[in-house]
Amino acid sequence: MEFKQQLELLASYNAWMNAKVYEAAARLDARELARDSGAFFGSVLGTLNHIVVGDTIWLQRFATHPACGLTLREVADLPPPAALDQLLFADLQSLTTHRVWLDEQIIQWIAGLTESDLEQVLHYRNTRGIAASKRYASLILHFFNHQTHHRGQVSTLLQQAGEDIGVTDLLALIPDETAV
């Protein structure tokens, strides 16, 4: 499997897991969603917002890659988040609508990349203004890993609130190979 195909798998996994997490979160009332549970970003709602903030920051950086100007144009046009803990959406319904849209942007962006695009170096500044130059493919892996890390926190918070999101393993989306 080529590396781009693996990224396509991760983009599908991202959308699949977000759908499961948001479905479970929708079964909680607004008070429980916003309850500070001691996670990095406080609550289920705070952590889901942080994932969107992180995705937006990274996608806006990725949009500066010569091959991505068109596929990430709409994300690049969003106002940049002001802080990692910014509450972009105060209610789950608005956040869910944006999340579904963002996941579709991610799937289309990854589908439009080529193997040679992945080998290029991206020059950017982090949220503190520190310059960095890193391989595009490695940054995309970080992007997906960041989502998985914080979704794990959300799944724990949901479990503590009595909501089980079910299977979370990437393995569920990896197709079986026929024996030769």
N, C-alpha and C. Protein backbone atom coordinates (compact mmCIF):
# COMPACT_ATOMS: atom_id res chain seq x y z
N MET A 1 0.85 -1.17 0.00
CA MET A 1 0.00 0.00 0.00
C MET A 1 0.90 1.24 0.00
N GLU A 2 0.65 2.14 -0.91
CA GLU A 2 1.41 3.39 -0.97
C GLU A 2 1.05 4.25 0.24
N PHE A 3 1.97 5.14 0.57
CA PHE A 3 1.77 6.00 1.73
C PHE A 3 0.51 6.85 1.59
N LYS A 4 0.25 7.37 0.40
CA LYS A 4 -0.96 8.17 0.20
C LYS A 4 -2.22 7.36 0.52
N GLN A 5 -2.23 6.10 0.17
CA GLN A 5 -3.38 5.25 0.48
C GLN A 5 -3.54 5.10 1.99
N GLN A 6 -2.43 5.04 2.70
CA GLN A 6 -2.51 4.96 4.15
C GLN A 6 -3.08 6.25 4.74
N LEU A 7 -2.71 7.38 4.15
CA LEU A 7 -3.29 8.65 4.60
C LEU A 7 -4.78 8.72 4.29
N GLU A 8 -5.19 8.16 3.17
CA GLU A 8 -6.61 8.10 2.84
C GLU A 8 -7.36 7.25 3.86
N LEU A 9 -6.73 6.17 4.30
CA LEU A 9 -7.32 5.33 5.35
C LEU A 9 -7.46 6.14 6.64
N LEU A 10 -6.43 6.90 6.99
CA LEU A 10 -6.50 7.73 8.20
C LEU A 10 -7.57 8.81 8.09
N ALA A 11 -7.75 9.38 6.91
CA ALA A 11 -8.80 10.39 6.72
C ALA A 11 -10.18 9.75 6.89
N SER A 12 -10.36 8.55 6.37
CA SER A 12 -11.63 7.83 6.55
C SER A 12 -11.86 7.48 8.01
N TYR A 13 -10.80 7.01 8.66
CA TYR A 13 -10.88 6.68 10.09
C TYR A 13 -11.26 7.91 10.90
N ASN A 14 -10.65 9.02 10.60
CA ASN A 14 -10.94 10.27 11.28
C ASN A 14 -12.44 10.60 11.19
N ALA A 15 -12.99 10.57 9.99
CA ALA A 15 -14.41 10.90 9.81
C ALA A 15 -15.30 9.87 10.51
N TRP A 16 -14.95 8.60 10.42
CA TRP A 16 -15.73 7.53 11.04
C TRP A 16 -15.75 7.69 12.56
N MET A 17 -14.58 7.92 13.14
CA MET A 17 -14.49 8.08 14.59
C MET A 17 -15.20 9.35 15.05
N ASN A 18 -15.04 10.43 14.32
CA ASN A 18 -15.73 11.66 14.71
C ASN A 18 -17.23 11.44 14.70
N ALA A 19 -17.76 10.74 13.71
CA ALA A 19 -19.20 10.47 13.68
C ALA A 19 -19.62 9.69 14.92
N LYS A 20 -18.85 8.69 15.31
CA LYS A 20 -19.18 7.89 16.49
C LYS A 20 -19.11 8.73 17.77
N VAL A 21 -18.08 9.54 17.89
CA VAL A 21 -17.90 10.37 19.08
C VAL A 21 -19.03 11.39 19.19
N TYR A 22 -19.33 12.05 18.09
CA TYR A 22 -20.37 13.09 18.12
C TYR A 22 -21.75 12.47 18.35
N GLU A 23 -21.98 11.28 17.83
CA GLU A 23 -23.25 10.59 18.08
C GLU A 23 -23.41 10.30 19.57
N ALA A 24 -22.35 9.83 20.20
CA ALA A 24 -22.40 9.55 21.64
C ALA A 24 -22.54 10.85 22.43
N ALA A 25 -21.81 11.88 22.03
CA ALA A 25 -21.89 13.17 22.72
C ALA A 25 -23.29 13.76 22.64
N ALA A 26 -23.99 13.52 21.55
CA ALA A 26 -25.34 14.05 21.36
C ALA A 26 -26.34 13.44 22.34
N ARG A 27 -25.98 12.33 22.95
CA ARG A 27 -26.87 11.70 23.94
C ARG A 27 -26.72 12.34 25.32
N LEU A 28 -25.74 13.24 25.47
CA LEU A 28 -25.56 13.94 26.75
C LEU A 28 -26.30 15.27 26.73
N ASP A 29 -26.72 15.72 27.90
CA ASP A 29 -27.35 17.05 27.94
C ASP A 29 -26.26 18.12 27.93
N ALA A 30 -26.67 19.36 27.69
CA ALA A 30 -25.73 20.48 27.53
C ALA A 30 -24.86 20.66 28.77
N ARG A 31 -25.44 20.44 29.95
CA ARG A 31 -24.68 20.60 31.19
C ARG A 31 -23.54 19.58 31.28
N GLU A 32 -23.86 18.33 30.94
CA GLU A 32 -22.84 17.27 30.99
C GLU A 32 -21.75 17.49 29.92
N LEU A 33 -22.15 17.98 28.76
CA LEU A 33 -21.19 18.26 27.69
C LEU A 33 -20.18 19.32 28.12
N ALA A 34 -20.64 20.29 28.89
CA ALA A 34 -19.79 21.42 29.29
C ALA A 34 -19.13 21.23 30.65
N ARG A 35 -19.45 20.14 31.35
CA ARG A 35 -18.90 19.91 32.69
C ARG A 35 -17.39 19.71 32.64
N ASP A 36 -16.67 20.48 33.45
CA ASP A 36 -15.21 20.35 33.51
C ASP A 36 -14.87 19.04 34.22
N SER A 37 -14.25 18.15 33.48
CA SER A 37 -13.91 16.83 34.01
C SER A 37 -12.42 16.66 34.26
N GLY A 38 -11.69 17.76 34.20
CA GLY A 38 -10.26 17.71 34.47
C GLY A 38 -9.41 17.27 33.29
N ALA A 39 -10.00 17.17 32.10
CA ALA A 39 -9.22 16.84 30.91
C ALA A 39 -8.39 18.06 30.50
N PHE A 40 -7.48 17.88 29.56
CA PHE A 40 -6.62 18.98 29.10
C PHE A 40 -7.45 20.22 28.75
N PHE A 41 -8.58 20.00 28.10
CA PHE A 41 -9.43 21.11 27.67
C PHE A 41 -10.78 21.08 28.38
N GLY A 42 -10.75 20.56 29.60
CA GLY A 42 -11.88 20.63 30.51
C GLY A 42 -12.97 19.62 30.28
N SER A 43 -13.79 19.87 29.30
CA SER A 43 -15.02 19.11 29.10
C SER A 43 -15.02 18.39 27.76
N VAL A 44 -16.08 17.63 27.52
CA VAL A 44 -16.28 17.01 26.21
C VAL A 44 -16.34 18.10 25.16
N LEU A 45 -17.16 19.12 25.40
CA LEU A 45 -17.32 20.21 24.44
C LEU A 45 -16.00 20.97 24.24
N GLY A 46 -15.29 21.22 25.30
CA GLY A 46 -14.01 21.92 25.20
C GLY A 46 -12.99 21.13 24.41
N THR A 47 -12.95 19.82 24.63
CA THR A 47 -11.99 18.97 23.92
C THR A 47 -12.36 18.83 22.45
N LEU A 48 -13.64 18.67 22.15
CA LEU A 48 -14.06 18.59 20.75
C LEU A 48 -13.76 19.90 20.03
N ASN A 49 -13.95 21.03 20.70
CA ASN A 49 -13.58 22.31 20.11
C ASN A 49 -12.08 22.39 19.88
N HIS A 50 -11.29 21.90 20.83
CA HIS A 50 -9.83 21.94 20.66
C HIS A 50 -9.40 21.14 19.43
N ILE A 51 -10.01 20.00 19.20
CA ILE A 51 -9.66 19.21 18.02
C ILE A 51 -9.94 20.02 16.75
N VAL A 52 -11.07 20.71 16.71
CA VAL A 52 -11.40 21.56 15.56
C VAL A 52 -10.40 22.71 15.45
N VAL A 53 -10.03 23.31 16.57
CA VAL A 53 -9.03 24.38 16.56
C VAL A 53 -7.72 23.85 15.99
N GLY A 54 -7.24 22.72 16.51
CA GLY A 54 -6.00 22.13 16.02
C GLY A 54 -6.07 21.79 14.54
N ASP A 55 -7.18 21.18 14.13
CA ASP A 55 -7.35 20.85 12.71
C ASP A 55 -7.30 22.11 11.86
N THR A 56 -7.97 23.15 12.29
CA THR A 56 -8.01 24.39 11.51
C THR A 56 -6.62 25.01 11.40
N ILE A 57 -5.91 25.06 12.50
CA ILE A 57 -4.54 25.61 12.48
C ILE A 57 -3.67 24.83 11.49
N TRP A 58 -3.71 23.50 11.61
CA TRP A 58 -2.86 22.69 10.72
C TRP A 58 -3.32 22.76 9.28
N LEU A 59 -4.61 22.72 9.02
CA LEU A 59 -5.09 22.77 7.64
C LEU A 59 -4.76 24.11 7.00
N GLN A 60 -4.80 25.18 7.78
CA GLN A 60 -4.41 26.48 7.23
C GLN A 60 -2.92 26.50 6.90
N ARG A 61 -2.12 25.84 7.68
CA ARG A 61 -0.69 25.70 7.34
C ARG A 61 -0.53 24.84 6.09
N PHE A 62 -1.24 23.71 6.06
CA PHE A 62 -1.14 22.80 4.92
C PHE A 62 -1.58 23.49 3.63
N ALA A 63 -2.50 24.43 3.74
CA ALA A 63 -3.02 25.14 2.56
C ALA A 63 -1.94 25.96 1.87
N THR A 64 -0.82 26.24 2.56
CA THR A 64 0.27 27.00 1.94
C THR A 64 1.14 26.13 1.04
N HIS A 65 0.95 24.83 1.07
CA HIS A 65 1.66 23.91 0.17
C HIS A 65 1.18 24.19 -1.25
N PRO A 66 2.10 24.27 -2.21
CA PRO A 66 1.70 24.61 -3.58
C PRO A 66 0.59 23.72 -4.16
N ALA A 67 0.53 22.47 -3.76
CA ALA A 67 -0.47 21.55 -4.31
C ALA A 67 -1.83 21.66 -3.63
N CYS A 68 -1.95 22.48 -2.59
CA CYS A 68 -3.17 22.45 -1.77
C CYS A 68 -3.97 23.74 -1.76
N GLY A 69 -3.55 24.73 -2.50
CA GLY A 69 -4.25 26.01 -2.49
C GLY A 69 -5.72 25.91 -2.81
N LEU A 70 -6.08 25.08 -3.77
CA LEU A 70 -7.49 24.95 -4.15
C LEU A 70 -8.26 24.02 -3.22
N THR A 71 -7.68 22.87 -2.88
CA THR A 71 -8.43 21.90 -2.08
C THR A 71 -8.69 22.39 -0.66
N LEU A 72 -7.84 23.24 -0.15
CA LEU A 72 -8.03 23.75 1.23
C LEU A 72 -8.41 25.22 1.26
N ARG A 73 -8.84 25.76 0.12
CA ARG A 73 -9.17 27.18 0.04
C ARG A 73 -10.20 27.61 1.07
N GLU A 74 -11.28 26.85 1.20
CA GLU A 74 -12.35 27.24 2.13
C GLU A 74 -11.87 27.21 3.58
N VAL A 75 -11.02 26.26 3.92
CA VAL A 75 -10.48 26.21 5.28
C VAL A 75 -9.51 27.36 5.49
N ALA A 76 -8.70 27.65 4.48
CA ALA A 76 -7.74 28.75 4.57
C ALA A 76 -8.45 30.08 4.78
N ASP A 77 -9.67 30.21 4.28
CA ASP A 77 -10.43 31.45 4.40
C ASP A 77 -11.11 31.62 5.77
N LEU A 78 -11.10 30.57 6.59
CA LEU A 78 -11.70 30.69 7.93
C LEU A 78 -10.85 31.63 8.78
N PRO A 79 -11.47 32.31 9.75
CA PRO A 79 -10.65 33.10 10.68
C PRO A 79 -9.73 32.16 11.46
N PRO A 80 -8.46 32.52 11.60
CA PRO A 80 -7.56 31.64 12.36
C PRO A 80 -7.96 31.63 13.84
N PRO A 81 -7.92 30.46 14.47
CA PRO A 81 -8.23 30.40 15.91
C PRO A 81 -7.28 31.29 16.70
N ALA A 82 -7.82 31.90 17.76
CA ALA A 82 -7.04 32.82 18.59
C ALA A 82 -6.26 32.10 19.68
N ALA A 83 -6.73 30.91 20.07
CA ALA A 83 -6.08 30.18 21.16
C ALA A 83 -6.42 28.70 21.03
N LEU A 84 -5.54 27.85 21.58
CA LEU A 84 -5.77 26.41 21.51
C LEU A 84 -7.00 25.96 22.29
N ASP A 85 -7.40 26.76 23.27
CA ASP A 85 -8.59 26.41 24.07
C ASP A 85 -9.81 27.25 23.68
N GLN A 86 -9.75 27.86 22.51
CA GLN A 86 -10.87 28.69 22.06
C GLN A 86 -12.12 27.84 21.87
N LEU A 87 -13.23 28.32 22.37
CA LEU A 87 -14.51 27.65 22.18
C LEU A 87 -15.13 28.23 20.91
N LEU A 88 -14.86 27.59 19.79
CA LEU A 88 -15.37 28.07 18.50
C LEU A 88 -16.88 27.92 18.39
N PHE A 89 -17.41 26.87 19.02
CA PHE A 89 -18.83 26.57 18.96
C PHE A 89 -19.31 26.24 20.37
N ALA A 90 -20.28 26.98 20.87
CA ALA A 90 -20.76 26.79 22.23
C ALA A 90 -21.81 25.69 22.34
N ASP A 91 -22.34 25.24 21.19
CA ASP A 91 -23.34 24.17 21.23
C ASP A 91 -22.90 23.03 20.32
N LEU A 92 -23.30 21.83 20.70
CA LEU A 92 -22.86 20.63 19.99
C LEU A 92 -23.41 20.58 18.57
N GLN A 93 -24.61 21.05 18.35
CA GLN A 93 -25.19 20.97 17.00
C GLN A 93 -24.36 21.77 15.99
N SER A 94 -24.00 23.00 16.33
CA SER A 94 -23.17 23.81 15.43
C SER A 94 -21.79 23.19 15.25
N LEU A 95 -21.23 22.68 16.33
CA LEU A 95 -19.92 22.04 16.27
C LEU A 95 -19.98 20.80 15.38
N THR A 96 -21.05 20.03 15.50
CA THR A 96 -21.21 18.81 14.69
C THR A 96 -21.29 19.16 13.20
N THR A 97 -22.08 20.16 12.88
CA THR A 97 -22.21 20.58 11.47
C THR A 97 -20.85 20.98 10.91
N HIS A 98 -20.10 21.74 11.67
CA HIS A 98 -18.77 22.16 11.22
C HIS A 98 -17.82 20.96 11.12
N ARG A 99 -17.88 20.06 12.09
CA ARG A 99 -17.01 18.88 12.10
C ARG A 99 -17.23 18.04 10.85
N VAL A 100 -18.49 17.80 10.49
CA VAL A 100 -18.80 17.01 9.29
C VAL A 100 -18.23 17.69 8.05
N TRP A 101 -18.41 19.00 7.96
CA TRP A 101 -17.85 19.77 6.85
C TRP A 101 -16.33 19.67 6.82
N LEU A 102 -15.72 19.84 7.97
CA LEU A 102 -14.26 19.80 8.06
C LEU A 102 -13.72 18.42 7.67
N ASP A 103 -14.39 17.36 8.11
CA ASP A 103 -13.94 16.01 7.75
C ASP A 103 -14.02 15.79 6.24
N GLU A 104 -15.03 16.35 5.60
CA GLU A 104 -15.13 16.23 4.14
C GLU A 104 -13.99 17.01 3.46
N GLN A 105 -13.63 18.15 4.01
CA GLN A 105 -12.50 18.92 3.47
C GLN A 105 -11.21 18.11 3.58
N ILE A 106 -11.05 17.43 4.71
CA ILE A 106 -9.84 16.61 4.93
C ILE A 106 -9.78 15.46 3.94
N ILE A 107 -10.89 14.78 3.74
CA ILE A 107 -10.93 13.66 2.80
C ILE A 107 -10.59 14.13 1.39
N GLN A 108 -11.17 15.25 0.96
CA GLN A 108 -10.90 15.77 -0.38
C GLN A 108 -9.44 16.23 -0.53
N TRP A 109 -8.91 16.86 0.52
CA TRP A 109 -7.52 17.32 0.50
C TRP A 109 -6.56 16.14 0.34
N ILE A 110 -6.74 15.12 1.15
CA ILE A 110 -5.85 13.95 1.08
C ILE A 110 -5.98 13.27 -0.28
N ALA A 111 -7.21 13.16 -0.80
CA ALA A 111 -7.43 12.52 -2.10
C ALA A 111 -6.69 13.26 -3.21
N GLY A 112 -6.52 14.57 -3.08
CA GLY A 112 -5.87 15.36 -4.11
C GLY A 112 -4.36 15.36 -4.06
N LEU A 113 -3.77 14.80 -3.02
CA LEU A 113 -2.31 14.78 -2.89
C LEU A 113 -1.69 13.69 -3.75
N THR A 114 -0.44 13.90 -4.13
CA THR A 114 0.34 12.87 -4.81
C THR A 114 1.49 12.45 -3.90
N GLU A 115 2.09 11.34 -4.23
CA GLU A 115 3.24 10.88 -3.45
C GLU A 115 4.35 11.94 -3.45
N SER A 116 4.55 12.60 -4.58
CA SER A 116 5.61 13.63 -4.63
C SER A 116 5.25 14.85 -3.78
N ASP A 117 3.96 15.18 -3.67
CA ASP A 117 3.54 16.27 -2.77
C ASP A 117 3.97 15.97 -1.34
N LEU A 118 3.86 14.72 -0.96
CA LEU A 118 4.14 14.31 0.42
C LEU A 118 5.61 14.43 0.77
N GLU A 119 6.48 14.40 -0.22
CA GLU A 119 7.92 14.46 0.02
C GLU A 119 8.43 15.89 0.23
N GLN A 120 7.63 16.88 -0.09
CA GLN A 120 8.08 18.26 0.02
C GLN A 120 8.17 18.69 1.48
N VAL A 121 8.89 19.76 1.70
CA VAL A 121 9.05 20.34 3.03
C VAL A 121 8.09 21.51 3.16
N LEU A 122 7.43 21.58 4.30
CA LEU A 122 6.53 22.70 4.58
C LEU A 122 7.23 23.64 5.56
N HIS A 123 7.25 24.89 5.23
CA HIS A 123 7.81 25.93 6.09
C HIS A 123 6.64 26.66 6.73
N TYR A 124 6.64 26.75 8.05
CA TYR A 124 5.53 27.39 8.76
C TYR A 124 6.04 27.93 10.08
N ARG A 125 5.15 28.62 10.78
CA ARG A 125 5.44 29.11 12.13
C ARG A 125 4.41 28.49 13.07
N ASN A 126 4.88 28.05 14.23
CA ASN A 126 3.94 27.47 15.19
C ASN A 126 3.13 28.59 15.87
N THR A 127 2.30 28.24 16.81
CA THR A 127 1.42 29.23 17.44
C THR A 127 2.18 30.25 18.28
N ARG A 128 3.44 29.95 18.58
CA ARG A 128 4.28 30.91 19.31
C ARG A 128 5.15 31.73 18.37
N GLY A 129 5.02 31.48 17.06
CA GLY A 129 5.78 32.23 16.07
C GLY A 129 7.13 31.64 15.73
N ILE A 130 7.43 30.46 16.23
CA ILE A 130 8.73 29.83 15.97
C ILE A 130 8.69 29.14 14.61
N ALA A 131 9.67 29.46 13.77
CA ALA A 131 9.75 28.90 12.43
C ALA A 131 10.12 27.42 12.47
N ALA A 132 9.55 26.66 11.54
CA ALA A 132 9.85 25.23 11.41
C ALA A 132 9.80 24.86 9.94
N SER A 133 10.55 23.84 9.59
CA SER A 133 10.55 23.28 8.24
C SER A 133 10.57 21.77 8.39
N LYS A 134 9.47 21.14 8.02
CA LYS A 134 9.35 19.69 8.22
C LYS A 134 8.71 19.04 6.99
N ARG A 135 9.00 17.77 6.85
CA ARG A 135 8.46 16.99 5.74
C ARG A 135 6.93 16.95 5.84
N TYR A 136 6.29 17.25 4.71
CA TYR A 136 4.82 17.34 4.65
C TYR A 136 4.15 16.06 5.15
N ALA A 137 4.63 14.91 4.69
CA ALA A 137 4.03 13.64 5.08
C ALA A 137 4.10 13.44 6.59
N SER A 138 5.20 13.79 7.20
CA SER A 138 5.35 13.63 8.65
C SER A 138 4.40 14.56 9.41
N LEU A 139 4.20 15.75 8.89
CA LEU A 139 3.26 16.68 9.52
C LEU A 139 1.82 16.17 9.42
N ILE A 140 1.50 15.54 8.31
CA ILE A 140 0.15 14.98 8.16
C ILE A 140 -0.06 13.84 9.16
N LEU A 141 0.98 13.03 9.38
CA LEU A 141 0.87 11.98 10.41
C LEU A 141 0.63 12.59 11.77
N HIS A 142 1.35 13.67 12.08
CA HIS A 142 1.13 14.36 13.35
C HIS A 142 -0.31 14.86 13.44
N PHE A 143 -0.81 15.43 12.38
CA PHE A 143 -2.18 15.95 12.31
C PHE A 143 -3.19 14.87 12.71
N PHE A 144 -3.08 13.69 12.10
CA PHE A 144 -4.01 12.61 12.42
C PHE A 144 -3.77 12.07 13.83
N ASN A 145 -2.52 12.00 14.24
CA ASN A 145 -2.21 11.52 15.59
C ASN A 145 -2.79 12.46 16.66
N HIS A 146 -2.72 13.75 16.42
CA HIS A 146 -3.28 14.73 17.36
C HIS A 146 -4.78 14.50 17.55
N GLN A 147 -5.48 14.27 16.46
CA GLN A 147 -6.92 14.00 16.55
C GLN A 147 -7.19 12.75 17.38
N THR A 148 -6.43 11.70 17.10
CA THR A 148 -6.63 10.43 17.80
C THR A 148 -6.35 10.59 19.29
N HIS A 149 -5.31 11.30 19.62
CA HIS A 149 -4.95 11.55 21.03
C HIS A 149 -6.11 12.19 21.78
N HIS A 150 -6.64 13.27 21.24
CA HIS A 150 -7.70 13.98 21.96
C HIS A 150 -9.05 13.27 21.86
N ARG A 151 -9.30 12.54 20.78
CA ARG A 151 -10.53 11.74 20.73
C ARG A 151 -10.49 10.66 21.80
N GLY A 152 -9.29 10.14 22.10
CA GLY A 152 -9.16 9.17 23.20
C GLY A 152 -9.58 9.79 24.52
N GLN A 153 -9.22 11.04 24.73
CA GLN A 153 -9.65 11.73 25.95
C GLN A 153 -11.17 11.88 25.96
N VAL A 154 -11.73 12.25 24.81
CA VAL A 154 -13.19 12.41 24.74
C VAL A 154 -13.88 11.07 24.99
N SER A 155 -13.34 9.99 24.43
CA SER A 155 -13.98 8.69 24.64
C SER A 155 -13.97 8.31 26.12
N THR A 156 -12.91 8.68 26.84
CA THR A 156 -12.87 8.43 28.28
C THR A 156 -13.92 9.27 29.00
N LEU A 157 -14.02 10.54 28.64
CA LEU A 157 -15.03 11.41 29.26
C LEU A 157 -16.44 10.90 28.97
N LEU A 158 -16.66 10.44 27.75
CA LEU A 158 -17.98 9.90 27.41
C LEU A 158 -18.26 8.63 28.20
N GLN A 159 -17.27 7.76 28.33
CA GLN A 159 -17.43 6.53 29.11
C GLN A 159 -17.77 6.87 30.56
N GLN A 160 -17.08 7.87 31.12
CA GLN A 160 -17.36 8.29 32.49
C GLN A 160 -18.77 8.84 32.64
N ALA A 161 -19.31 9.39 31.55
CA ALA A 161 -20.68 9.92 31.57
C ALA A 161 -21.71 8.86 31.20
N GLY A 162 -21.25 7.61 31.01
CA GLY A 162 -22.16 6.51 30.72
C GLY A 162 -22.43 6.25 29.25
N GLU A 163 -21.64 6.84 28.37
CA GLU A 163 -21.83 6.65 26.92
C GLU A 163 -20.66 5.89 26.33
N ASP A 164 -20.94 4.74 25.74
CA ASP A 164 -19.92 3.91 25.11
C ASP A 164 -19.96 4.17 23.61
N ILE A 165 -18.83 4.53 23.02
CA ILE A 165 -18.82 4.79 21.58
C ILE A 165 -18.53 3.54 20.76
N GLY A 166 -18.25 2.43 21.42
CA GLY A 166 -18.03 1.19 20.70
C GLY A 166 -16.60 1.05 20.22
N VAL A 167 -16.42 0.28 19.18
CA VAL A 167 -15.10 -0.02 18.62
C VAL A 167 -14.44 1.28 18.16
N THR A 168 -13.18 1.45 18.54
CA THR A 168 -12.43 2.66 18.16
C THR A 168 -11.16 2.34 17.39
N ASP A 169 -10.89 1.09 17.15
CA ASP A 169 -9.63 0.69 16.54
C ASP A 169 -9.62 0.92 15.03
N LEU A 170 -8.53 1.47 14.54
CA LEU A 170 -8.29 1.62 13.11
C LEU A 170 -8.44 0.28 12.41
N LEU A 171 -8.08 -0.78 13.11
CA LEU A 171 -8.16 -2.13 12.56
C LEU A 171 -9.54 -2.43 11.94
N ALA A 172 -10.59 -1.83 12.48
CA ALA A 172 -11.94 -2.07 11.97
C ALA A 172 -12.10 -1.60 10.52
N LEU A 173 -11.27 -0.67 10.07
CA LEU A 173 -11.38 -0.15 8.70
C LEU A 173 -10.34 -0.74 7.75
N ILE A 174 -9.41 -1.53 8.27
CA ILE A 174 -8.39 -2.13 7.41
C ILE A 174 -8.99 -3.37 6.78
N PRO A 175 -9.04 -3.39 5.43
CA PRO A 175 -9.68 -4.55 4.77
C PRO A 175 -8.86 -5.83 4.92
N ASP A 176 -9.56 -6.94 4.98
CA ASP A 176 -8.90 -8.24 4.97
C ASP A 176 -8.26 -8.46 3.61
N GLU A 177 -7.11 -9.08 3.62
CA GLU A 177 -6.41 -9.42 2.38
C GLU A 177 -6.66 -10.88 2.06
N THR A 178 -6.87 -11.17 0.83
CA THR A 178 -7.09 -12.57 0.45
C THR A 178 -5.74 -13.29 0.44
N ALA A 179 -5.77 -14.51 0.88
CA ALA A 179 -4.55 -15.33 0.92
C ALA A 179 -4.14 -15.74 -0.49
N VAL A 180 -2.86 -15.79 -0.71
CA VAL A 180 -2.36 -16.17 -2.05
C VAL A 180 -2.06 -17.64 -2.09
